[in-house]
C-alpha atoms as a PDB file:
ATOM      1  CA  MET A   1       0.000   0.000   0.000  1.00  0.00           C
ATOM      2  CA  ALA A   2       1.514   3.326  -1.055  1.00  0.00           C
ATOM      3  CA  ILE A   3       1.028   6.615   0.761  1.00  0.00           C
ATOM      4  CA  SER A   4       0.756   9.520  -1.693  1.00  0.00           C
ATOM      5  CA  GLY A   5       3.261  12.388  -1.566  1.00  0.00           C
ATOM      6  CA  GLN A   6       4.975  13.095   1.739  1.00  0.00           C
ATOM      7  CA  ARG A   7       1.894  12.499   3.910  1.00  0.00           C
ATOM      8  CA  LYS A   8       2.587  10.661   7.125  1.00  0.00           C
ATOM      9  CA  PRO A   9       0.721   7.361   7.500  1.00  0.00           C
ATOM     10  CA  THR A  10      -2.220   7.399   9.902  1.00  0.00           C
ATOM     11  CA  GLN A  11      -3.993   4.790  11.997  1.00  0.00           C
ATOM     12  CA  SER A  12      -6.625   4.611   9.245  1.00  0.00           C
ATOM     13  CA  ASP A  13      -3.898   3.662   6.761  1.00  0.00           C
ATOM     14  CA  VAL A  14      -2.667   0.947   9.112  1.00  0.00           C
ATOM     15  CA  ALA A  15      -6.242  -0.295   9.600  1.00  0.00           C
ATOM     16  CA  ALA A  16      -6.833  -0.480   5.831  1.00  0.00           C
ATOM     17  CA  LEU A  17      -3.618  -2.423   5.206  1.00  0.00           C
ATOM     18  CA  ALA A  18      -4.220  -4.814   8.114  1.00  0.00           C
ATOM     19  CA  GLY A  19      -7.915  -5.251   7.282  1.00  0.00           C
ATOM     20  CA  VAL A  20      -9.129  -4.222  10.729  1.00  0.00           C
ATOM     21  CA  SER A  21     -10.923  -1.246  12.270  1.00  0.00           C
ATOM     22  CA  PRO A  22      -9.069   1.894  13.451  1.00  0.00           C
ATOM     23  CA  ALA A  23     -10.251   1.063  16.999  1.00  0.00           C
ATOM     24  CA  ILE A  24      -8.323  -2.214  16.906  1.00  0.00           C
ATOM     25  CA  VAL A  25      -5.222  -0.428  15.556  1.00  0.00           C
ATOM     26  CA  SER A  26      -5.464   2.090  18.408  1.00  0.00           C
ATOM     27  CA  ALA A  27      -5.779  -0.707  20.946  1.00  0.00           C
ATOM     28  CA  VAL A  28      -2.722  -2.544  19.592  1.00  0.00           C
ATOM     29  CA  VAL A  29      -0.553   0.561  19.199  1.00  0.00           C
ATOM     30  CA  ASN A  30      -1.416   1.861  22.671  1.00  0.00           C
ATOM     31  CA  ALA A  31      -1.234  -1.587  24.317  1.00  0.00           C
ATOM     32  CA  ARG A  32      -4.729  -1.422  25.780  1.00  0.00           C
ATOM     33  CA  PRO A  33      -7.988  -3.422  25.504  1.00  0.00           C
ATOM     34  CA  ALA A  34     -10.279  -2.783  22.495  1.00  0.00           C
ATOM     35  CA  GLY A  35     -13.446  -2.428  24.528  1.00  0.00           C
ATOM     36  CA  ASN A  36     -15.502  -5.644  24.406  1.00  0.00           C
ATOM     37  CA  ILE A  37     -13.739  -6.874  21.264  1.00  0.00           C
ATOM     38  CA  ARG A  38     -11.260  -9.692  21.742  1.00  0.00           C
ATOM     39  CA  VAL A  39      -8.192  -9.147  19.579  1.00  0.00           C
ATOM     40  CA  SER A  40      -6.305 -12.337  18.787  1.00  0.00           C
ATOM     41  CA  GLU A  41      -2.527 -12.484  18.762  1.00  0.00           C
ATOM     42  CA  ALA A  42      -2.636 -13.151  15.012  1.00  0.00           C
ATOM     43  CA  THR A  43      -4.609  -9.943  14.455  1.00  0.00           C
ATOM     44  CA  ARG A  44      -2.228  -8.008  16.668  1.00  0.00           C
ATOM     45  CA  GLU A  45       0.733  -9.297  14.685  1.00  0.00           C
ATOM     46  CA  ARG A  46      -1.006  -8.282  11.429  1.00  0.00           C
ATOM     47  CA  VAL A  47      -1.405  -4.758  12.792  1.00  0.00           C
ATOM     48  CA  ARG A  48       2.235  -4.638  13.926  1.00  0.00           C
ATOM     49  CA  GLN A  49       3.352  -5.794  10.490  1.00  0.00           C
ATOM     50  CA  ALA A  50       1.290  -3.029   8.836  1.00  0.00           C
ATOM     51  CA  VAL A  51       2.853  -0.493  11.235  1.00  0.00           C
ATOM     52  CA  ARG A  52       6.333  -1.638  10.215  1.00  0.00           C
ATOM     53  CA  GLU A  53       5.510  -1.692   6.502  1.00  0.00           C
ATOM     54  CA  LEU A  54       4.057   1.813   6.488  1.00  0.00           C
ATOM     55  CA  GLY A  55       6.555   3.285   8.938  1.00  0.00           C
ATOM     56  CA  TYR A  56       3.695   4.518  11.116  1.00  0.00           C
ATOM     57  CA  VAL A  57       4.766   6.521  14.197  1.00  0.00           C
ATOM     58  CA  PRO A  58       2.147   7.010  16.955  1.00  0.00           C
ATOM     59  CA  ASN A  59       1.255  10.564  17.985  1.00  0.00           C
ATOM     60  CA  ILE A  60       2.761  10.543  21.461  1.00  0.00           C
ATOM     61  CA  ALA A  61       1.078  13.803  22.480  1.00  0.00           C
ATOM     62  CA  ALA A  62      -2.339  12.505  21.484  1.00  0.00           C
ATOM     63  CA  ARG A  63      -1.661   9.217  23.270  1.00  0.00           C
ATOM     64  CA  ASN A  64      -0.683  10.948  26.491  1.00  0.00           C
ATOM     65  CA  LEU A  65      -3.631  13.341  26.338  1.00  0.00           C
ATOM     66  CA  ALA A  66      -5.965  10.364  25.965  1.00  0.00           C
ATOM     67  CA  ARG A  67      -4.480   9.043  29.184  1.00  0.00           C
ATOM     68  CA  GLY A  68      -5.031  12.391  30.930  1.00  0.00           C
ATOM     69  CA  ARG A  69      -1.422  13.672  30.994  1.00  0.00           C
ATOM     70  CA  ASN A  70       1.241  14.908  28.632  1.00  0.00           C
ATOM     71  CA  HIS A  71       3.915  13.204  30.746  1.00  0.00           C
ATOM     72  CA  ILE A  72       5.851  16.446  30.462  1.00  0.00           C
ATOM     73  CA  LEU A  73       7.205  18.420  33.407  1.00  0.00           C
ATOM     74  CA  GLY A  74       8.130  22.055  32.940  1.00  0.00           C
ATOM     75  CA  ILE A  75      11.135  23.991  34.221  1.00  0.00           C
ATOM     76  CA  PHE A  76      10.656  27.738  34.547  1.00  0.00           C
ATOM     77  CA  SER A  77      12.738  30.569  35.959  1.00  0.00           C
ATOM     78  CA  TYR A  78      12.280  34.317  36.169  1.00  0.00           C
ATOM     79  CA  GLU A  79      15.996  34.692  35.502  1.00  0.00           C
ATOM     80  CA  SER A  80      18.597  33.132  33.226  1.00  0.00           C
ATOM     81  CA  VAL A  81      19.836  30.310  35.417  1.00  0.00           C
ATOM     82  CA  PHE A  82      20.399  27.524  32.950  1.00  0.00           C
ATOM     83  CA  PRO A  83      24.112  26.725  33.175  1.00  0.00           C
ATOM     84  CA  LEU A  84      26.828  26.916  30.585  1.00  0.00           C
ATOM     85  CA  GLU A  85      29.275  25.034  32.765  1.00  0.00           C
ATOM     86  CA  SER A  86      29.192  22.537  35.623  1.00  0.00           C
ATOM     87  CA  MET A  87      30.436  25.137  38.147  1.00  0.00           C
ATOM     88  CA  ASN A  88      27.195  27.097  37.725  1.00  0.00           C
ATOM     89  CA  PHE A  89      25.244  27.436  40.997  1.00  0.00           C
ATOM     90  CA  TYR A  90      22.076  25.945  39.445  1.00  0.00           C
ATOM     91  CA  HIS A  91      23.722  23.024  37.631  1.00  0.00           C
ATOM     92  CA  GLU A  92      23.137  20.445  40.385  1.00  0.00           C
ATOM     93  CA  PHE A  93      19.487  21.489  40.809  1.00  0.00           C
ATOM     94  CA  LEU A  94      18.879  20.783  37.126  1.00  0.00           C
ATOM     95  CA  VAL A  95      20.760  17.482  37.256  1.00  0.00           C
ATOM     96  CA  GLY A  96      18.526  16.337  40.114  1.00  0.00           C
ATOM     97  CA  ILE A  97      15.386  17.428  38.253  1.00  0.00           C
ATOM     98  CA  GLU A  98      16.462  15.520  35.151  1.00  0.00           C
ATOM     99  CA  GLU A  99      17.322  12.374  37.118  1.00  0.00           C
ATOM    100  CA  ALA A 100      13.979  12.245  38.924  1.00  0.00           C
ATOM    101  CA  ALA A 101      11.955  13.057  35.794  1.00  0.00           C
ATOM    102  CA  GLU A 102      13.722  10.369  33.789  1.00  0.00           C
ATOM    103  CA  GLN A 103      13.218   7.841  36.550  1.00  0.00           C
ATOM    104  CA  ALA A 104       9.482   8.624  36.577  1.00  0.00           C
ATOM    105  CA  GLY A 105       9.193   8.387  32.779  1.00  0.00           C
ATOM    106  CA  TYR A 106       8.567  12.100  32.190  1.00  0.00           C
ATOM    107  CA  ASN A 107      10.038  14.432  29.591  1.00  0.00           C
ATOM    108  CA  LEU A 108      11.237  17.920  30.534  1.00  0.00           C
ATOM    109  CA  LEU A 109      10.193  21.143  28.835  1.00  0.00           C
ATOM    110  CA  MET A 110      12.157  24.331  29.501  1.00  0.00           C
ATOM    111  CA  PHE A 111      10.115  27.571  29.404  1.00  0.00           C
ATOM    112  CA  SER A 112      12.268  30.575  28.587  1.00  0.00           C
ATOM    113  CA  ALA A 113      10.624  32.607  25.815  1.00  0.00           C
ATOM    114  CA  ALA A 114       7.715  34.204  27.696  1.00  0.00           C
ATOM    115  CA  LYS A 115       8.587  37.888  28.135  1.00  0.00           C
ATOM    116  CA  THR A 116       6.916  40.991  29.492  1.00  0.00           C
ATOM    117  CA  ALA A 117       6.960  44.303  27.631  1.00  0.00           C
ATOM    118  CA  GLY A 118       9.953  45.282  29.776  1.00  0.00           C
ATOM    119  CA  GLY A 119      11.922  42.199  28.770  1.00  0.00           C
ATOM    120  CA  GLY A 120      11.479  40.224  31.984  1.00  0.00           C
ATOM    121  CA  ARG A 121      10.158  36.676  32.060  1.00  0.00           C
ATOM    122  CA  SER A 122       6.524  36.018  32.792  1.00  0.00           C
ATOM    123  CA  VAL A 123       4.226  33.022  33.087  1.00  0.00           C
ATOM    124  CA  TYR A 124       1.315  35.107  31.780  1.00  0.00           C
ATOM    125  CA  SER A 125       2.971  37.202  29.063  1.00  0.00           C
ATOM    126  CA  ASP A 126       0.231  36.280  26.549  1.00  0.00           C
ATOM    127  CA  GLY A 127      -2.614  36.527  29.037  1.00  0.00           C
ATOM    128  CA  GLY A 128      -2.803  32.785  29.719  1.00  0.00           C
ATOM    129  CA  ASN A 129      -0.705  30.367  31.745  1.00  0.00           C
ATOM    130  CA  SER A 130       2.092  29.341  29.364  1.00  0.00           C
ATOM    131  CA  LEU A 131       3.138  26.520  31.714  1.00  0.00           C
ATOM    132  CA  GLN A 132      -0.020  24.550  30.899  1.00  0.00           C
ATOM    133  CA  LEU A 133       1.837  22.785  28.095  1.00  0.00           C
ATOM    134  CA  ALA A 134       3.312  20.720  30.928  1.00  0.00           C
ATOM    135  CA  ASP A 135       1.406  18.647  33.475  1.00  0.00           C
ATOM    136  CA  GLY A 136       3.156  20.625  36.209  1.00  0.00           C
ATOM    137  CA  SER A 137       6.312  22.663  36.623  1.00  0.00           C
ATOM    138  CA  VAL A 138       9.363  23.145  38.830  1.00  0.00           C
ATOM    139  CA  LEU A 139      10.334  26.788  39.419  1.00  0.00           C
ATOM    140  CA  VAL A 140      14.066  27.441  39.787  1.00  0.00           C
ATOM    141  CA  GLY A 141      15.955  30.563  40.810  1.00  0.00           C
ATOM    142  CA  THR A 142      14.873  33.819  42.411  1.00  0.00           C
ATOM    143  CA  HIS A 143      13.161  37.115  41.487  1.00  0.00           C
ATOM    144  CA  GLU A 144       9.715  35.506  41.381  1.00  0.00           C
ATOM    145  CA  ARG A 145       6.665  37.679  40.743  1.00  0.00           C
ATOM    146  CA  PRO A 146       4.393  37.255  43.776  1.00  0.00           C
ATOM    147  CA  ASP A 147       1.289  38.192  41.772  1.00  0.00           C
ATOM    148  CA  GLU A 148       1.933  35.418  39.254  1.00  0.00           C
ATOM    149  CA  ILE A 149       2.761  32.872  41.952  1.00  0.00           C
ATOM    150  CA  ALA A 150      -0.515  33.730  43.698  1.00  0.00           C
ATOM    151  CA  THR A 151      -2.412  33.328  40.418  1.00  0.00           C
ATOM    152  CA  LEU A 152      -0.809  29.942  39.750  1.00  0.00           C
ATOM    153  CA  ALA A 153      -1.870  28.831  43.235  1.00  0.00           C
ATOM    154  CA  GLN A 154      -5.409  30.125  42.729  1.00  0.00           C
ATOM    155  CA  GLU A 155      -5.651  28.280  39.415  1.00  0.00           C
ATOM    156  CA  GLN A 156      -4.488  25.122  41.227  1.00  0.00           C
ATOM    157  CA  TYR A 157      -1.809  24.610  38.613  1.00  0.00           C
ATOM    158  CA  PRO A 158       0.651  22.031  40.031  1.00  0.00           C
ATOM    159  CA  PHE A 159       4.064  23.583  40.718  1.00  0.00           C
ATOM    160  CA  VAL A 160       6.931  23.232  43.166  1.00  0.00           C
ATOM    161  CA  ILE A 161       9.557  25.880  43.901  1.00  0.00           C
ATOM    162  CA  ILE A 162      13.158  24.981  44.699  1.00  0.00           C
ATOM    163  CA  GLY A 163      13.917  26.850  47.916  1.00  0.00           C
ATOM    164  CA  ARG A 164      11.658  27.978  50.744  1.00  0.00           C
ATOM    165  CA  ARG A 165       9.352  30.761  49.651  1.00  0.00           C
ATOM    166  CA  ALA A 166       6.716  32.813  51.450  1.00  0.00           C
ATOM    167  CA  PHE A 167       4.192  34.782  49.393  1.00  0.00           C
ATOM    168  CA  PRO A 168       1.330  36.908  50.721  1.00  0.00           C
ATOM    169  CA  GLY A 169      -1.945  35.082  50.289  1.00  0.00           C
ATOM    170  CA  ALA A 170      -0.450  31.900  48.809  1.00  0.00           C
ATOM    171  CA  GLU A 171       1.027  28.836  50.448  1.00  0.00           C
ATOM    172  CA  VAL A 172       3.253  27.056  47.958  1.00  0.00           C
ATOM    173  CA  SER A 173       4.978  23.703  47.663  1.00  0.00           C
ATOM    174  CA  TYR A 174       8.753  23.755  47.854  1.00  0.00           C
ATOM    175  CA  ALA A 175      11.884  21.661  48.298  1.00  0.00           C
ATOM    176  CA  ALA A 176      14.408  23.602  50.386  1.00  0.00           C
ATOM    177  CA  GLY A 177      17.724  23.204  52.129  1.00  0.00           C
ATOM    178  CA  ASP A 178      17.792  23.392  55.926  1.00  0.00           C
ATOM    179  CA  TYR A 179      19.926  26.538  56.090  1.00  0.00           C
ATOM    180  CA  ALA A 180      18.982  27.258  59.694  1.00  0.00           C
ATOM    181  CA  GLY A 181      20.087  23.796  60.803  1.00  0.00           C
ATOM    182  CA  GLY A 182      23.270  24.038  58.753  1.00  0.00           C
ATOM    183  CA  THR A 183      24.138  27.364  60.361  1.00  0.00           C
ATOM    184  CA  ARG A 184      23.551  25.938  63.839  1.00  0.00           C
ATOM    185  CA  ASP A 185      25.889  23.084  62.939  1.00  0.00           C
ATOM    186  CA  ALA A 186      28.524  25.608  61.805  1.00  0.00           C
ATOM    187  CA  VAL A 187      28.410  27.379  65.182  1.00  0.00           C
ATOM    188  CA  LYS A 188      28.623  24.031  66.984  1.00  0.00           C
ATOM    189  CA  ALA A 189      31.656  22.984  64.922  1.00  0.00           C
ATOM    190  CA  LEU A 190      33.500  26.206  65.765  1.00  0.00           C
ATOM    191  CA  THR A 191      32.507  25.963  69.407  1.00  0.00           C
ATOM    192  CA  ARG A 192      33.887  22.431  69.623  1.00  0.00           C
ATOM    193  CA  LEU A 193      37.210  23.769  68.365  1.00  0.00           C
ATOM    194  CA  GLY A 194      37.282  26.150  71.338  1.00  0.00           C
ATOM    195  CA  HIS A 195      36.017  29.402  69.811  1.00  0.00           C
ATOM    196  CA  GLN A 196      34.209  31.558  72.352  1.00  0.00           C
ATOM    197  CA  LYS A 197      33.637  34.661  70.231  1.00  0.00           C
ATOM    198  CA  ILE A 198      32.019  33.799  66.903  1.00  0.00           C
ATOM    199  CA  ALA A 199      30.706  36.572  64.663  1.00  0.00           C
ATOM    200  CA  MET A 200      28.407  36.557  61.653  1.00  0.00           C
ATOM    201  CA  VAL A 201      28.933  39.006  58.802  1.00  0.00           C
ATOM    202  CA  ARG A 202      25.704  39.317  56.848  1.00  0.00           C
ATOM    203  CA  GLY A 203      24.540  41.126  53.751  1.00  0.00           C
ATOM    204  CA  VAL A 204      21.632  43.459  53.136  1.00  0.00           C
ATOM    205  CA  GLY A 205      19.323  41.037  51.282  1.00  0.00           C
ATOM    206  CA  GLU A 206      16.162  39.594  52.781  1.00  0.00           C
ATOM    207  CA  HIS A 207      15.741  36.445  50.694  1.00  0.00           C
ATOM    208  CA  GLU A 208      14.232  33.507  52.585  1.00  0.00           C
ATOM    209  CA  SER A 209      17.458  31.508  52.393  1.00  0.00           C
ATOM    210  CA  VAL A 210      19.514  34.198  54.143  1.00  0.00           C
ATOM    211  CA  VAL A 211      16.721  34.841  56.634  1.00  0.00           C
ATOM    212  CA  ASP A 212      16.930  31.146  57.549  1.00  0.00           C
ATOM    213  CA  ARG A 213      20.711  31.386  57.980  1.00  0.00           C
ATOM    214  CA  ARG A 214      20.316  34.374  60.294  1.00  0.00           C
ATOM    215  CA  ALA A 215      17.649  32.547  62.286  1.00  0.00           C
ATOM    216  CA  GLY A 216      19.988  29.563  62.684  1.00  0.00           C
ATOM    217  CA  PHE A 217      22.785  31.817  63.952  1.00  0.00           C
ATOM    218  CA  ALA A 218      20.428  33.546  66.403  1.00  0.00           C
ATOM    219  CA  GLN A 219      19.238  30.166  67.686  1.00  0.00           C
ATOM    220  CA  ALA A 220      22.822  28.964  68.137  1.00  0.00           C
ATOM    221  CA  ARG A 221      24.050  32.157  69.808  1.00  0.00           C
ATOM    222  CA  ARG A 222      21.253  31.950  72.398  1.00  0.00           C
ATOM    223  CA  ARG A 223      22.949  28.799  73.671  1.00  0.00           C
ATOM    224  CA  VAL A 224      26.073  30.815  74.406  1.00  0.00           C
ATOM    225  CA  ALA A 225      26.445  34.385  75.643  1.00  0.00           C
ATOM    226  CA  ALA A 226      24.773  36.734  73.163  1.00  0.00           C
ATOM    227  CA  ALA A 227      27.582  39.263  73.633  1.00  0.00           C
ATOM    228  CA  SER A 228      30.110  36.700  72.369  1.00  0.00           C
ATOM    229  CA  SER A 229      28.354  36.357  69.009  1.00  0.00           C
ATOM    230  CA  PRO A 230      28.247  39.772  67.334  1.00  0.00           C
ATOM    231  CA  VAL A 231      26.537  40.335  63.993  1.00  0.00           C
ATOM    232  CA  ARG A 232      27.800  42.875  61.458  1.00  0.00           C
ATOM    233  CA  THR A 233      26.132  43.959  58.221  1.00  0.00           C
ATOM    234  CA  LEU A 234      28.389  44.470  55.220  1.00  0.00           C
ATOM    235  CA  GLU A 235      26.566  47.183  53.281  1.00  0.00           C
ATOM    236  CA  ASP A 236      29.574  48.087  51.147  1.00  0.00           C
ATOM    237  CA  ASP A 237      32.596  45.955  50.265  1.00  0.00           C
ATOM    238  CA  ARG A 238      34.820  48.907  51.123  1.00  0.00           C
ATOM    239  CA  ARG A 239      33.802  48.534  54.779  1.00  0.00           C
ATOM    240  CA  ALA A 240      35.107  44.966  54.979  1.00  0.00           C
ATOM    241  CA  GLY A 241      38.512  46.021  56.314  1.00  0.00           C
ATOM    242  CA  ARG A 242      36.967  48.184  59.034  1.00  0.00           C
ATOM    243  CA  ILE A 243      34.549  45.428  60.089  1.00  0.00           C
ATOM    244  CA  LEU A 244      37.368  42.898  60.170  1.00  0.00           C
ATOM    245  CA  THR A 245      39.506  45.181  62.334  1.00  0.00           C
ATOM    246  CA  GLU A 246      36.634  45.849  64.755  1.00  0.00           C
ATOM    247  CA  LEU A 247      35.894  42.143  65.163  1.00  0.00           C
ATOM    248  CA  VAL A 248      39.523  41.142  65.665  1.00  0.00           C
ATOM    249  CA  GLU A 249      40.032  43.944  68.214  1.00  0.00           C
ATOM    250  CA  ALA A 250      36.894  42.763  70.027  1.00  0.00           C
ATOM    251  CA  GLY A 251      38.454  39.321  70.432  1.00  0.00           C
ATOM    252  CA  VAL A 252      36.494  37.488  67.739  1.00  0.00           C
ATOM    253  CA  THR A 253      38.391  34.361  66.641  1.00  0.00           C
ATOM    254  CA  ALA A 254      35.936  32.953  64.077  1.00  0.00           C
ATOM    255  CA  ILE A 255      33.686  34.559  61.467  1.00  0.00           C
ATOM    256  CA  ILE A 256      30.730  32.957  59.702  1.00  0.00           C
ATOM    257  CA  ALA A 257      30.108  34.669  56.360  1.00  0.00           C
ATOM    258  CA  GLU A 258      26.487  34.670  55.240  1.00  0.00           C
ATOM    259  CA  SER A 259      27.405  34.283  51.558  1.00  0.00           C
ATOM    260  CA  THR A 260      30.313  33.207  49.396  1.00  0.00           C
ATOM    261  CA  GLU A 261      30.667  36.749  48.100  1.00  0.00           C
ATOM    262  CA  ILE A 262      31.066  38.077  51.656  1.00  0.00           C
ATOM    263  CA  SER A 263      33.593  35.375  52.532  1.00  0.00           C
ATOM    264  CA  GLN A 264      35.670  36.355  49.487  1.00  0.00           C
ATOM    265  CA  VAL A 265      35.613  40.025  50.457  1.00  0.00           C
ATOM    266  CA  LEU A 266      36.635  39.197  54.038  1.00  0.00           C
ATOM    267  CA  ARG A 267      39.412  36.908  52.882  1.00  0.00           C
ATOM    268  CA  ARG A 268      40.875  39.642  50.659  1.00  0.00           C
ATOM    269  CA  ALA A 269      40.656  42.125  53.539  1.00  0.00           C
ATOM    270  CA  ALA A 270      42.416  39.636  55.833  1.00  0.00           C
ATOM    271  CA  ARG A 271      45.263  39.275  53.338  1.00  0.00           C
ATOM    272  CA  ARG A 272      45.684  43.047  53.096  1.00  0.00           C
ATOM    273  CA  GLN A 273      45.782  43.388  56.873  1.00  0.00           C
ATOM    274  CA  GLY A 274      48.016  40.388  57.476  1.00  0.00           C
ATOM    275  CA  VAL A 275      45.349  38.529  59.457  1.00  0.00           C
ATOM    276  CA  GLY A 276      46.219  34.890  58.903  1.00  0.00           C
ATOM    277  CA  ILE A 277      43.465  32.361  58.211  1.00  0.00           C
ATOM    278  CA  PRO A 278      43.113  30.214  60.248  1.00  0.00           C
ATOM    279  CA  ARG A 279      46.191  31.103  62.355  1.00  0.00           C
ATOM    280  CA  ARG A 280      44.559  34.269  63.688  1.00  0.00           C
ATOM    281  CA  LEU A 281      40.999  34.023  62.412  1.00  0.00           C
ATOM    282  CA  SER A 282      38.853  31.092  61.287  1.00  0.00           C
ATOM    283  CA  LEU A 283      36.453  31.660  58.408  1.00  0.00           C
ATOM    284  CA  LEU A 284      33.417  29.602  57.387  1.00  0.00           C
ATOM    285  CA  ASP A 285      31.227  30.326  54.337  1.00  0.00           C
ATOM    286  CA  LEU A 286      27.468  29.639  54.434  1.00  0.00           C
ATOM    287  CA  GLY A 287      26.958  30.450  50.734  1.00  0.00           C
ATOM    288  CA  GLY A 288      27.802  27.006  49.469  1.00  0.00           C
ATOM    289  CA  LYS A 289      29.067  28.121  46.053  1.00  0.00           C
ATOM    290  CA  ALA A 290      31.976  26.242  44.542  1.00  0.00           C
ATOM    291  CA  MET A 291      34.753  28.764  43.925  1.00  0.00           C
ATOM    292  CA  ALA A 292      37.655  27.591  41.764  1.00  0.00           C
ATOM    293  CA  ASP A 293      40.009  30.212  43.214  1.00  0.00           C
ATOM    294  CA  GLU A 294      39.234  29.369  46.863  1.00  0.00           C
ATOM    295  CA  PRO A 295      38.767  25.589  47.018  1.00  0.00           C
ATOM    296  CA  GLN A 296      39.983  25.325  50.619  1.00  0.00           C
ATOM    297  CA  ILE A 297      37.352  27.513  52.251  1.00  0.00           C
ATOM    298  CA  SER A 298      35.146  25.735  54.811  1.00  0.00           C
ATOM    299  CA  THR A 299      31.584  25.884  53.604  1.00  0.00           C
ATOM    300  CA  LEU A 300      28.008  24.789  53.996  1.00  0.00           C
ATOM    301  CA  VAL A 301      27.240  22.111  51.392  1.00  0.00           C
ATOM    302  CA  ILE A 302      23.820  22.763  49.894  1.00  0.00           C
ATOM    303  CA  PRO A 303      22.042  19.550  48.777  1.00  0.00           C
ATOM    304  CA  ARG A 304      21.198  20.960  45.350  1.00  0.00           C
ATOM    305  CA  ARG A 305      20.819  17.700  43.460  1.00  0.00           C
ATOM    306  CA  GLU A 306      18.625  16.233  46.189  1.00  0.00           C
ATOM    307  CA  MET A 307      16.527  19.410  46.225  1.00  0.00           C
ATOM    308  CA  GLY A 308      15.963  19.041  42.476  1.00  0.00           C
ATOM    309  CA  ARG A 309      15.018  15.393  42.838  1.00  0.00           C
ATOM    310  CA  THR A 310      12.713  16.122  45.768  1.00  0.00           C
ATOM    311  CA  ALA A 311      10.992  18.946  43.878  1.00  0.00           C
ATOM    312  CA  VAL A 312      10.058  16.508  41.091  1.00  0.00           C
ATOM    313  CA  GLN A 313       8.898  13.887  43.594  1.00  0.00           C
ATOM    314  CA  LEU A 314       6.655  16.440  45.319  1.00  0.00           C
ATOM    315  CA  LEU A 315       5.318  17.576  41.945  1.00  0.00           C
ATOM    316  CA  LEU A 316       4.400  14.017  40.979  1.00  0.00           C
ATOM    317  CA  LYS A 317       2.519  13.657  44.264  1.00  0.00           C
ATOM    318  CA  LEU A 318       0.577  16.822  43.445  1.00  0.00           C
ATOM    319  CA  LEU A 319      -0.278  15.423  40.019  1.00  0.00           C
ATOM    320  CA  ASP A 320      -1.582  12.227  41.611  1.00  0.00           C
ATOM    321  CA  ASP A 321      -3.550  14.142  44.245  1.00  0.00           C
ATOM    322  CA  PRO A 322      -4.106  17.870  43.512  1.00  0.00           C
ATOM    323  CA  THR A 323      -5.669  18.318  46.975  1.00  0.00           C
ATOM    324  CA  ALA A 324      -2.490  17.141  48.743  1.00  0.00           C
ATOM    325  CA  GLY A 325      -0.684  20.492  48.632  1.00  0.00           C
ATOM    326  CA  PRO A 326       1.040  22.491  49.698  1.00  0.00           C
ATOM    327  CA  LEU A 327       3.844  19.945  50.053  1.00  0.00           C
ATOM    328  CA  GLN A 328       7.006  21.256  51.687  1.00  0.00           C
ATOM    329  CA  SER A 329      10.252  19.381  52.248  1.00  0.00           C
ATOM    330  CA  THR A 330      13.385  20.623  54.024  1.00  0.00           C
ATOM    331  CA  ILE A 331      16.588  18.715  53.304  1.00  0.00           C
ATOM    332  CA  PRO A 332      19.585  18.735  55.701  1.00  0.00           C
ATOM    333  CA  CYS A 333      22.746  20.609  54.709  1.00  0.00           C
ATOM    334  CA  GLN A 334      26.196  19.276  55.506  1.00  0.00           C
ATOM    335  CA  LEU A 335      29.422  21.053  56.424  1.00  0.00           C
ATOM    336  CA  LYS A 336      32.656  20.752  54.475  1.00  0.00           C
ATOM    337  CA  LEU A 337      35.372  21.662  56.973  1.00  0.00           C
ATOM    338  CA  THR A 338      38.825  22.480  55.612  1.00  0.00           C
ATOM    339  CA  ASP A 339      41.951  24.230  56.860  1.00  0.00           C
ATOM    340  CA  SER A 340      40.223  27.622  56.807  1.00  0.00           C
ATOM    341  CA  ILE A 341      39.106  26.885  60.358  1.00  0.00           C
ATOM    342  CA  GLY A 342      41.102  25.746  63.353  1.00  0.00           C
ATOM    343  CA  PRO A 343      41.324  26.340  67.092  1.00  0.00           C
ATOM    344  CA  PRO A 344      41.598  29.937  68.344  1.00  0.00           C
ATOM    345  CA  PRO A 345      45.123  31.383  68.718  1.00  0.00           C
ATOM    346  CA  ASP A 346      45.341  30.870  72.474  1.00  0.00           C
ATOM    347  CA  VAL A 347      44.297  27.193  72.412  1.00  0.00           C
END
């Protein structure tokens, strides 16, 4: 049987060649019963032979829609986070998402074209929810639009955010790292080494992840004397030297930097002032970013891959039971302790 021109063969073409009804072809191709009709193995083989002869390829999208799902999970970000190299902060998140999606038999669809008039990304740039091409989506990165997140929640569109998020009027599902617990562990590790005066140098941001780090430090410092755990805010990198001098003169022997950027600034200031690390001052970074030029810095290890995997697992639960949300999971962080910390000078 010849198919005219370049037209793709259809189920009707397969049915005509096999001498059966399109319903039987659909049942064989999709590996499901044909209603009350019993399809013999000989008939099934005749259909399969017609499929091979015609080169028929099933419409996967139509098949999945008939089953109620596209079997596609979306990935969306309000910023450009998709990595060009493995050192990128978001790389491990995306690896975990891919692993879990593949394990569950889902394809991934990256949404990146939707733009607002000002050039920013938007879920609703064309008036409708562009994420609906996917059964549900994982949101990665920061700079979310609270109004759009609230609308997604109101529409009951299944989505999970990587990282703890709090939005007015909308409780959302998320997979987050336990930054508060990791910060408490950092204080404990320094205390065990003999440090009595441990300071935190924080930034000016108010993102949930840094708020959690600050809460962890406050919880840990309540277990020691509050006066022995000063907190300084680095509003300008040029103040790093002054802050470092003040803390050293106050007897601080260990500093916990809220972010990798702050730890880098402090380390440069320490070099300029001849403050040896860890001989005079121990330094621990809560940012968790891999820095090629400072591989020996003690740091909080963020479970990025596990957060990505967990986000997909939570999303699949929401797809199975839309009333189950919001689902929220907090994953422990570990410490990577290197020679940037040691006992205080007088120990």
